[in-house]
Amino acid sequence: GESLRLSCAASGMSFSLYAMAWYRQAPGKQRDLVATIT
C-alpha cells in the first residue's frame, strides 16, 4: 500500500532522443517490461 519513486539518471547520451523504460526481474523469472516512455 505504500509508495516509492524510482529515478534513473542518464549521462553520456543524448537523453531526449532515447526511448526510456523500466523493467523488473524477480529471482528465477524473466526480465519483464513495466513501462515505457518514448
PDB file of all heavy atoms in Angstrom:
ATOM      1  N   GLY A   1       0.781  -1.215   0.000  1.00  0.00           N
ATOM      2  CA  GLY A   1       0.000   0.000   0.000  1.00  0.00           C
ATOM      3  C   GLY A   1       0.817   1.271   0.000  1.00  0.00           C
ATOM      4  O   GLY A   1       0.274   2.347  -0.273  1.00  0.00           O
ATOM      5  N   GLU A   2       2.087   1.166   0.300  1.00  0.00           N
ATOM      6  CA  GLU A   2       2.949   2.342   0.319  1.00  0.00           C
ATOM      7  C   GLU A   2       3.458   2.675  -1.073  1.00  0.00           C
ATOM      8  O   GLU A   2       3.182   1.960  -2.039  1.00  0.00           O
ATOM      9  CB  GLU A   2       4.103   2.127   1.300  1.00  0.00           C
ATOM     10  CG  GLU A   2       3.636   2.006   2.741  1.00  0.00           C
ATOM     11  CD  GLU A   2       4.766   1.874   3.741  1.00  0.00           C
ATOM     12  OE1 GLU A   2       5.910   1.583   3.333  1.00  0.00           O
ATOM     13  OE2 GLU A   2       4.509   2.075   4.947  1.00  0.00           O
ATOM     14  N   SER A   3       4.202   3.758  -1.174  1.00  0.00           N
ATOM     15  CA  SER A   3       4.673   4.264  -2.458  1.00  0.00           C
ATOM     16  C   SER A   3       6.179   4.426  -2.473  1.00  0.00           C
ATOM     17  O   SER A   3       6.823   4.609  -1.430  1.00  0.00           O
ATOM     18  CB  SER A   3       4.030   5.622  -2.765  1.00  0.00           C
ATOM     19  OG  SER A   3       2.623   5.532  -2.868  1.00  0.00           O
ATOM     20  N   LEU A   4       6.729   4.352  -3.665  1.00  0.00           N
ATOM     21  CA  LEU A   4       8.129   4.641  -3.916  1.00  0.00           C
ATOM     22  C   LEU A   4       8.240   5.375  -5.241  1.00  0.00           C
ATOM     23  O   LEU A   4       7.411   5.179  -6.130  1.00  0.00           O
ATOM     24  CB  LEU A   4       8.973   3.369  -3.999  1.00  0.00           C
ATOM     25  CG  LEU A   4       9.362   2.631  -2.722  1.00  0.00           C
ATOM     26  CD1 LEU A   4      10.050   1.323  -3.088  1.00  0.00           C
ATOM     27  CD2 LEU A   4      10.276   3.490  -1.867  1.00  0.00           C
ATOM     28  N   ARG A   5       9.267   6.186  -5.369  1.00  0.00           N
ATOM     29  CA  ARG A   5       9.596   6.783  -6.646  1.00  0.00           C
ATOM     30  C   ARG A   5      11.015   6.403  -7.017  1.00  0.00           C
ATOM     31  O   ARG A   5      11.963   6.752  -6.307  1.00  0.00           O
ATOM     32  CB  ARG A   5       9.454   8.305  -6.635  1.00  0.00           C
ATOM     33  CG  ARG A   5       9.603   8.907  -8.039  1.00  0.00           C
ATOM     34  CD  ARG A   5       9.438  10.403  -8.073  1.00  0.00           C
ATOM     35  NE  ARG A   5      10.595  11.106  -7.553  1.00  0.00           N
ATOM     36  CZ  ARG A   5      10.900  12.369  -7.840  1.00  0.00           C
ATOM     37  NH1 ARG A   5      10.106  13.067  -8.656  1.00  0.00           N
ATOM     38  NH2 ARG A   5      11.965  12.924  -7.297  1.00  0.00           N
ATOM     39  N   LEU A   6      11.146   5.713  -8.126  1.00  0.00           N
ATOM     40  CA  LEU A   6      12.450   5.355  -8.644  1.00  0.00           C
ATOM     41  C   LEU A   6      12.933   6.433  -9.603  1.00  0.00           C
ATOM     42  O   LEU A   6      12.143   7.024 -10.335  1.00  0.00           O
ATOM     43  CB  LEU A   6      12.398   4.016  -9.370  1.00  0.00           C
ATOM     44  CG  LEU A   6      11.829   2.826  -8.603  1.00  0.00           C
ATOM     45  CD1 LEU A   6      11.926   1.569  -9.457  1.00  0.00           C
ATOM     46  CD2 LEU A   6      12.539   2.647  -7.272  1.00  0.00           C
ATOM     47  N   SER A   7      14.228   6.656  -9.594  1.00  0.00           N
ATOM     48  CA  SER A   7      14.845   7.598 -10.511  1.00  0.00           C
ATOM     49  C   SER A   7      15.948   6.902 -11.285  1.00  0.00           C
ATOM     50  O   SER A   7      16.605   5.993 -10.769  1.00  0.00           O
ATOM     51  CB  SER A   7      15.440   8.794  -9.756  1.00  0.00           C
ATOM     52  OG  SER A   7      14.447   9.509  -9.059  1.00  0.00           O
ATOM     53  N   CYS A   8      16.146   7.327 -12.506  1.00  0.00           N
ATOM     54  CA  CYS A   8      17.228   6.828 -13.334  1.00  0.00           C
ATOM     55  C   CYS A   8      17.903   8.022 -13.978  1.00  0.00           C
ATOM     56  O   CYS A   8      17.295   8.697 -14.821  1.00  0.00           O
ATOM     57  CB  CYS A   8      16.704   5.861 -14.392  1.00  0.00           C
ATOM     58  SG  CYS A   8      17.931   5.346 -15.616  1.00  0.00           S
ATOM     59  N   ALA A   9      19.120   8.284 -13.568  1.00  0.00           N
ATOM     60  CA  ALA A   9      19.881   9.404 -14.088  1.00  0.00           C
ATOM     61  C   ALA A   9      20.795   8.930 -15.205  1.00  0.00           C
ATOM     62  O   ALA A   9      21.583   8.003 -15.015  1.00  0.00           O
ATOM     63  CB  ALA A   9      20.700  10.053 -12.973  1.00  0.00           C
ATOM     64  N   ALA A  10      20.686   9.568 -16.359  1.00  0.00           N
ATOM     65  CA  ALA A  10      21.456   9.191 -17.530  1.00  0.00           C
ATOM     66  C   ALA A  10      22.569  10.190 -17.778  1.00  0.00           C
ATOM     67  O   ALA A  10      22.414  11.390 -17.542  1.00  0.00           O
ATOM     68  CB  ALA A  10      20.566   9.100 -18.759  1.00  0.00           C
ATOM     69  N   SER A  11      23.676   9.685 -18.275  1.00  0.00           N
ATOM     70  CA  SER A  11      24.785  10.537 -18.661  1.00  0.00           C
ATOM     71  C   SER A  11      25.484   9.929 -19.863  1.00  0.00           C
ATOM     72  O   SER A  11      25.406   8.723 -20.099  1.00  0.00           O
ATOM     73  CB  SER A  11      25.771  10.729 -17.505  1.00  0.00           C
ATOM     74  OG  SER A  11      26.328   9.486 -17.098  1.00  0.00           O
ATOM     75  N   GLY A  12      26.158  10.766 -20.628  1.00  0.00           N
ATOM     76  CA  GLY A  12      26.912  10.288 -21.769  1.00  0.00           C
ATOM     77  C   GLY A  12      26.074   9.929 -22.979  1.00  0.00           C
ATOM     78  O   GLY A  12      26.551   9.228 -23.881  1.00  0.00           O
ATOM     79  N   MET A  13      24.846  10.402 -23.022  1.00  0.00           N
ATOM     80  CA  MET A  13      23.950  10.100 -24.129  1.00  0.00           C
ATOM     81  C   MET A  13      23.054  11.290 -24.417  1.00  0.00           C
ATOM     82  O   MET A  13      22.869  12.159 -23.556  1.00  0.00           O
ATOM     83  CB  MET A  13      23.097   8.870 -23.816  1.00  0.00           C
ATOM     84  CG  MET A  13      22.241   9.046 -22.566  1.00  0.00           C
ATOM     85  SD  MET A  13      21.445   7.526 -21.995  1.00  0.00           S
ATOM     86  CE  MET A  13      20.089   7.413 -23.154  1.00  0.00           C
ATOM     87  N   SER A  14      22.502  11.313 -25.613  1.00  0.00           N
ATOM     88  CA  SER A  14      21.532  12.350 -25.972  1.00  0.00           C
ATOM     89  C   SER A  14      20.175  11.911 -25.449  1.00  0.00           C
ATOM     90  O   SER A  14      19.345  11.361 -26.175  1.00  0.00           O
ATOM     91  CB  SER A  14      21.507  12.563 -27.482  1.00  0.00           C
ATOM     92  OG  SER A  14      22.758  13.006 -27.960  1.00  0.00           O
ATOM     93  N   PHE A  15      19.960  12.174 -24.180  1.00  0.00           N
ATOM     94  CA  PHE A  15      18.843  11.596 -23.440  1.00  0.00           C
ATOM     95  C   PHE A  15      17.497  11.828 -24.116  1.00  0.00           C
ATOM     96  O   PHE A  15      16.669  10.922 -24.203  1.00  0.00           O
ATOM     97  CB  PHE A  15      18.829  12.152 -22.018  1.00  0.00           C
ATOM     98  CG  PHE A  15      17.695  11.644 -21.183  1.00  0.00           C
ATOM     99  CD1 PHE A  15      17.768  10.403 -20.581  1.00  0.00           C
ATOM    100  CD2 PHE A  15      16.558  12.409 -20.995  1.00  0.00           C
ATOM    101  CE1 PHE A  15      16.728   9.924 -19.806  1.00  0.00           C
ATOM    102  CE2 PHE A  15      15.509  11.951 -20.221  1.00  0.00           C
ATOM    103  CZ  PHE A  15      15.594  10.700 -19.627  1.00  0.00           C
ATOM    104  N   SER A  16      17.262  13.036 -24.580  1.00  0.00           N
ATOM    105  CA  SER A  16      15.953  13.373 -25.123  1.00  0.00           C
ATOM    106  C   SER A  16      15.596  12.576 -26.375  1.00  0.00           C
ATOM    107  O   SER A  16      14.419  12.490 -26.728  1.00  0.00           O
ATOM    108  CB  SER A  16      15.867  14.869 -25.423  1.00  0.00           C
ATOM    109  OG  SER A  16      16.796  15.240 -26.426  1.00  0.00           O
ATOM    110  N   LEU A  17      16.572  11.986 -27.032  1.00  0.00           N
ATOM    111  CA  LEU A  17      16.330  11.211 -28.238  1.00  0.00           C
ATOM    112  C   LEU A  17      15.986   9.751 -27.945  1.00  0.00           C
ATOM    113  O   LEU A  17      15.540   9.039 -28.846  1.00  0.00           O
ATOM    114  CB  LEU A  17      17.552  11.250 -29.160  1.00  0.00           C
ATOM    115  CG  LEU A  17      18.004  12.632 -29.642  1.00  0.00           C
ATOM    116  CD1 LEU A  17      19.237  12.496 -30.524  1.00  0.00           C
ATOM    117  CD2 LEU A  17      16.883  13.331 -30.389  1.00  0.00           C
ATOM    118  N   TYR A  18      16.193   9.323 -26.728  1.00  0.00           N
ATOM    119  CA  TYR A  18      16.031   7.922 -26.369  1.00  0.00           C
ATOM    120  C   TYR A  18      14.650   7.613 -25.844  1.00  0.00           C
ATOM    121  O   TYR A  18      14.049   8.408 -25.107  1.00  0.00           O
ATOM    122  CB  TYR A  18      17.057   7.530 -25.301  1.00  0.00           C
ATOM    123  CG  TYR A  18      18.427   7.210 -25.841  1.00  0.00           C
ATOM    124  CD1 TYR A  18      19.216   8.193 -26.411  1.00  0.00           C
ATOM    125  CD2 TYR A  18      18.923   5.915 -25.771  1.00  0.00           C
ATOM    126  CE1 TYR A  18      20.471   7.894 -26.910  1.00  0.00           C
ATOM    127  CE2 TYR A  18      20.180   5.611 -26.258  1.00  0.00           C
ATOM    128  CZ  TYR A  18      20.948   6.605 -26.825  1.00  0.00           C
ATOM    129  OH  TYR A  18      22.199   6.302 -27.310  1.00  0.00           O
ATOM    130  N   ALA A  19      14.151   6.456 -26.233  1.00  0.00           N
ATOM    131  CA  ALA A  19      13.003   5.882 -25.554  1.00  0.00           C
ATOM    132  C   ALA A  19      13.504   5.242 -24.269  1.00  0.00           C
ATOM    133  O   ALA A  19      14.504   4.513 -24.280  1.00  0.00           O
ATOM    134  CB  ALA A  19      12.312   4.841 -26.426  1.00  0.00           C
ATOM    135  N   MET A  20      12.845   5.526 -23.174  1.00  0.00           N
ATOM    136  CA  MET A  20      13.247   5.010 -21.876  1.00  0.00           C
ATOM    137  C   MET A  20      12.210   4.027 -21.360  1.00  0.00           C
ATOM    138  O   MET A  20      11.030   4.090 -21.708  1.00  0.00           O
ATOM    139  CB  MET A  20      13.431   6.148 -20.873  1.00  0.00           C
ATOM    140  CG  MET A  20      14.416   7.221 -21.314  1.00  0.00           C
ATOM    141  SD  MET A  20      16.100   6.575 -21.576  1.00  0.00           S
ATOM    142  CE  MET A  20      16.505   6.017 -19.919  1.00  0.00           C
ATOM    143  N   ALA A  21      12.666   3.127 -20.515  1.00  0.00           N
ATOM    144  CA  ALA A  21      11.773   2.113 -19.994  1.00  0.00           C
ATOM    145  C   ALA A  21      12.237   1.640 -18.633  1.00  0.00           C
ATOM    146  O   ALA A  21      13.416   1.761 -18.275  1.00  0.00           O
ATOM    147  CB  ALA A  21      11.679   0.922 -20.950  1.00  0.00           C
ATOM    148  N   TRP A  22      11.293   1.105 -17.893  1.00  0.00           N
ATOM    149  CA  TRP A  22      11.584   0.390 -16.668  1.00  0.00           C
ATOM    150  C   TRP A  22      11.201  -1.077 -16.852  1.00  0.00           C
ATOM    151  O   TRP A  22      10.106  -1.380 -17.336  1.00  0.00           O
ATOM    152  CB  TRP A  22      10.819   0.962 -15.474  1.00  0.00           C
ATOM    153  CG  TRP A  22      11.316   2.293 -15.014  1.00  0.00           C
ATOM    154  CD1 TRP A  22      10.843   3.515 -15.358  1.00  0.00           C
ATOM    155  CD2 TRP A  22      12.402   2.514 -14.110  1.00  0.00           C
ATOM    156  NE1 TRP A  22      11.554   4.502 -14.729  1.00  0.00           N
ATOM    157  CE2 TRP A  22      12.520   3.918 -13.956  1.00  0.00           C
ATOM    158  CE3 TRP A  22      13.277   1.686 -13.411  1.00  0.00           C
ATOM    159  CZ2 TRP A  22      13.491   4.507 -13.131  1.00  0.00           C
ATOM    160  CZ3 TRP A  22      14.238   2.264 -12.603  1.00  0.00           C
ATOM    161  CH2 TRP A  22      14.337   3.645 -12.470  1.00  0.00           C
ATOM    162  N   TYR A  23      12.104  -1.945 -16.493  1.00  0.00           N
ATOM    163  CA  TYR A  23      11.875  -3.376 -16.453  1.00  0.00           C
ATOM    164  C   TYR A  23      12.029  -3.857 -15.022  1.00  0.00           C
ATOM    165  O   TYR A  23      12.629  -3.179 -14.190  1.00  0.00           O
ATOM    166  CB  TYR A  23      12.883  -4.117 -17.329  1.00  0.00           C
ATOM    167  CG  TYR A  23      12.692  -3.964 -18.826  1.00  0.00           C
ATOM    168  CD1 TYR A  23      13.012  -2.778 -19.477  1.00  0.00           C
ATOM    169  CD2 TYR A  23      12.211  -5.027 -19.586  1.00  0.00           C
ATOM    170  CE1 TYR A  23      12.855  -2.642 -20.843  1.00  0.00           C
ATOM    171  CE2 TYR A  23      12.059  -4.903 -20.955  1.00  0.00           C
ATOM    172  CZ  TYR A  23      12.379  -3.713 -21.576  1.00  0.00           C
ATOM    173  OH  TYR A  23      12.229  -3.594 -22.939  1.00  0.00           O
ATOM    174  N   ARG A  24      11.515  -5.043 -14.756  1.00  0.00           N
ATOM    175  CA  ARG A  24      11.740  -5.635 -13.450  1.00  0.00           C
ATOM    176  C   ARG A  24      11.957  -7.136 -13.588  1.00  0.00           C
ATOM    177  O   ARG A  24      11.468  -7.769 -14.513  1.00  0.00           O
ATOM    178  CB  ARG A  24      10.588  -5.344 -12.487  1.00  0.00           C
ATOM    179  CG  ARG A  24       9.256  -5.980 -12.853  1.00  0.00           C
ATOM    180  CD  ARG A  24       8.174  -5.473 -11.899  1.00  0.00           C
ATOM    181  NE  ARG A  24       6.877  -6.054 -12.187  1.00  0.00           N
ATOM    182  CZ  ARG A  24       5.750  -5.691 -11.583  1.00  0.00           C
ATOM    183  NH1 ARG A  24       5.759  -4.736 -10.653  1.00  0.00           N
ATOM    184  NH2 ARG A  24       4.602  -6.280 -11.910  1.00  0.00           N
ATOM    185  N   GLN A  25      12.695  -7.665 -12.642  1.00  0.00           N
ATOM    186  CA  GLN A  25      13.033  -9.078 -12.659  1.00  0.00           C
ATOM    187  C   GLN A  25      13.060  -9.617 -11.240  1.00  0.00           C
ATOM    188  O   GLN A  25      13.804  -9.127 -10.395  1.00  0.00           O
ATOM    189  CB  GLN A  25      14.386  -9.298 -13.331  1.00  0.00           C
ATOM    190  CG  GLN A  25      14.756 -10.754 -13.518  1.00  0.00           C
ATOM    191  CD  GLN A  25      15.985 -10.913 -14.395  1.00  0.00           C
ATOM    192  OE1 GLN A  25      16.816 -10.009 -14.486  1.00  0.00           O
ATOM    193  NE2 GLN A  25      16.098 -12.053 -15.047  1.00  0.00           N
ATOM    194  N   ALA A  26      12.234 -10.609 -11.000  1.00  0.00           N
ATOM    195  CA  ALA A  26      12.230 -11.317  -9.732  1.00  0.00           C
ATOM    196  C   ALA A  26      13.127 -12.546  -9.856  1.00  0.00           C
ATOM    197  O   ALA A  26      13.349 -13.053 -10.958  1.00  0.00           O
ATOM    198  CB  ALA A  26      10.812 -11.723  -9.352  1.00  0.00           C
ATOM    199  N   PRO A  27      13.641 -13.052  -8.739  1.00  0.00           N
ATOM    200  CA  PRO A  27      14.509 -14.228  -8.804  1.00  0.00           C
ATOM    201  C   PRO A  27      13.848 -15.393  -9.523  1.00  0.00           C
ATOM    202  O   PRO A  27      12.701 -15.737  -9.247  1.00  0.00           O
ATOM    203  CB  PRO A  27      14.755 -14.558  -7.326  1.00  0.00           C
ATOM    204  CG  PRO A  27      14.611 -13.250  -6.631  1.00  0.00           C
ATOM    205  CD  PRO A  27      13.509 -12.538  -7.371  1.00  0.00           C
ATOM    206  N   GLY A  28      14.583 -15.988 -10.452  1.00  0.00           N
ATOM    207  CA  GLY A  28      14.075 -17.119 -11.202  1.00  0.00           C
ATOM    208  C   GLY A  28      13.095 -16.775 -12.294  1.00  0.00           C
ATOM    209  O   GLY A  28      12.566 -17.680 -12.948  1.00  0.00           O
ATOM    210  N   LYS A  29      12.845 -15.490 -12.503  1.00  0.00           N
ATOM    211  CA  LYS A  29      11.896 -15.050 -13.512  1.00  0.00           C
ATOM    212  C   LYS A  29      12.608 -14.277 -14.610  1.00  0.00           C
ATOM    213  O   LYS A  29      13.732 -13.823 -14.448  1.00  0.00           O
ATOM    214  CB  LYS A  29      10.817 -14.163 -12.888  1.00  0.00           C
ATOM    215  CG  LYS A  29      10.076 -14.779 -11.719  1.00  0.00           C
ATOM    216  CD  LYS A  29       9.205 -15.935 -12.144  1.00  0.00           C
ATOM    217  CE  LYS A  29       8.397 -16.462 -10.973  1.00  0.00           C
ATOM    218  NZ  LYS A  29       7.525 -17.591 -11.375  1.00  0.00           N
ATOM    219  N   GLN A  30      11.941 -14.142 -15.736  1.00  0.00           N
ATOM    220  CA  GLN A  30      12.493 -13.344 -16.814  1.00  0.00           C
ATOM    221  C   GLN A  30      12.345 -11.867 -16.494  1.00  0.00           C
ATOM    222  O   GLN A  30      11.556 -11.473 -15.635  1.00  0.00           O
ATOM    223  CB  GLN A  30      11.801 -13.664 -18.137  1.00  0.00           C
ATOM    224  CG  GLN A  30      10.360 -13.199 -18.232  1.00  0.00           C
ATOM    225  CD  GLN A  30       9.765 -13.428 -19.605  1.00  0.00           C
ATOM    226  OE1 GLN A  30      10.252 -14.247 -20.386  1.00  0.00           O
ATOM    227  NE2 GLN A  30       8.702 -12.707 -19.917  1.00  0.00           N
ATOM    228  N   ARG A  31      13.126 -11.078 -17.197  1.00  0.00           N
ATOM    229  CA  ARG A  31      13.031  -9.638 -17.045  1.00  0.00           C
ATOM    230  C   ARG A  31      11.866  -9.127 -17.882  1.00  0.00           C
ATOM    231  O   ARG A  31      11.848  -9.301 -19.103  1.00  0.00           O
ATOM    232  CB  ARG A  31      14.340  -8.975 -17.476  1.00  0.00           C
ATOM    233  CG  ARG A  31      14.393  -7.485 -17.199  1.00  0.00           C
ATOM    234  CD  ARG A  31      15.778  -6.913 -17.487  1.00  0.00           C
ATOM    235  NE  ARG A  31      16.789  -7.487 -16.617  1.00  0.00           N
ATOM    236  CZ  ARG A  31      18.063  -7.096 -16.610  1.00  0.00           C
ATOM    237  NH1 ARG A  31      18.480  -6.135 -17.409  1.00  0.00           N
ATOM    238  NH2 ARG A  31      18.926  -7.686 -15.792  1.00  0.00           N
ATOM    239  N   ASP A  32      10.910  -8.506 -17.234  1.00  0.00           N
ATOM    240  CA  ASP A  32       9.684  -8.076 -17.890  1.00  0.00           C
ATOM    241  C   ASP A  32       9.596  -6.562 -17.958  1.00  0.00           C
ATOM    242  O   ASP A  32      10.015  -5.852 -17.053  1.00  0.00           O
ATOM    243  CB  ASP A  32       8.456  -8.601 -17.150  1.00  0.00           C
ATOM    244  CG  ASP A  32       8.296 -10.100 -17.247  1.00  0.00           C
ATOM    245  OD1 ASP A  32       8.686 -10.673 -18.280  1.00  0.00           O
ATOM    246  OD2 ASP A  32       7.768 -10.705 -16.297  1.00  0.00           O
ATOM    247  N   LEU A  33       9.002  -6.102 -19.029  1.00  0.00           N
ATOM    248  CA  LEU A  33       8.764  -4.674 -19.206  1.00  0.00           C
ATOM    249  C   LEU A  33       7.682  -4.204 -18.241  1.00  0.00           C
ATOM    250  O   LEU A  33       6.635  -4.837 -18.114  1.00  0.00           O
ATOM    251  CB  LEU A  33       8.342  -4.396 -20.642  1.00  0.00           C
ATOM    252  CG  LEU A  33       8.014  -2.945 -20.993  1.00  0.00           C
ATOM    253  CD1 LEU A  33       9.268  -2.082 -20.908  1.00  0.00           C
ATOM    254  CD2 LEU A  33       7.407  -2.865 -22.391  1.00  0.00           C
ATOM    255  N   VAL A  34       7.932  -3.085 -17.593  1.00  0.00           N
ATOM    256  CA  VAL A  34       6.965  -2.471 -16.699  1.00  0.00           C
ATOM    257  C   VAL A  34       6.289  -1.284 -17.368  1.00  0.00           C
ATOM    258  O   VAL A  34       5.064  -1.171 -17.379  1.00  0.00           O
ATOM    259  CB  VAL A  34       7.624  -2.024 -15.385  1.00  0.00           C
ATOM    260  CG1 VAL A  34       6.618  -1.316 -14.488  1.00  0.00           C
ATOM    261  CG2 VAL A  34       8.234  -3.221 -14.666  1.00  0.00           C
ATOM    262  N   ALA A  35       7.087  -0.396 -17.912  1.00  0.00           N
ATOM    263  CA  ALA A  35       6.560   0.811 -18.536  1.00  0.00           C
ATOM    264  C   ALA A  35       7.591   1.385 -19.479  1.00  0.00           C
ATOM    265  O   ALA A  35       8.795   1.222 -19.276  1.00  0.00           O
ATOM    266  CB  ALA A  35       6.182   1.854 -17.482  1.00  0.00           C
ATOM    267  N   THR A  36       7.120   2.049 -20.513  1.00  0.00           N
ATOM    268  CA  THR A  36       7.994   2.736 -21.453  1.00  0.00           C
ATOM    269  C   THR A  36       7.500   4.154 -21.667  1.00  0.00           C
ATOM    270  O   THR A  36       6.315   4.447 -21.510  1.00  0.00           O
ATOM    271  CB  THR A  36       8.061   2.036 -22.818  1.00  0.00           C
ATOM    272  OG1 THR A  36       6.764   2.045 -23.425  1.00  0.00           O
ATOM    273  CG2 THR A  36       8.551   0.606 -22.682  1.00  0.00           C
ATOM    274  N   ILE A  37       8.424   5.000 -22.039  1.00  0.00           N
ATOM    275  CA  ILE A  37       8.080   6.360 -22.442  1.00  0.00           C
ATOM    276  C   ILE A  37       8.971   6.724 -23.615  1.00  0.00           C
ATOM    277  O   ILE A  37      10.189   6.589 -23.563  1.00  0.00           O
ATOM    278  CB  ILE A  37       8.211   7.360 -21.272  1.00  0.00           C
ATOM    279  CG1 ILE A  37       7.772   8.757 -21.717  1.00  0.00           C
ATOM    280  CG2 ILE A  37       9.620   7.362 -20.693  1.00  0.00           C
ATOM    281  CD1 ILE A  37       7.547   9.714 -20.544  1.00  0.00           C
ATOM    282  N   THR A  38       8.356   7.144 -24.699  1.00  0.00           N
ATOM    283  CA  THR A  38       9.101   7.487 -25.896  1.00  0.00           C
ATOM    284  C   THR A  38       9.701   8.876 -25.779  1.00  0.00           C
ATOM    285  O   THR A  38       9.424   9.626 -24.841  1.00  0.00           O
ATOM    286  CB  THR A  38       8.202   7.424 -27.133  1.00  0.00           C
ATOM    287  OG1 THR A  38       7.246   8.489 -27.080  1.00  0.00           O
ATOM    288  CG2 THR A  38       7.475   6.094 -27.221  1.00  0.00           C
TER     289      THR A  38
END
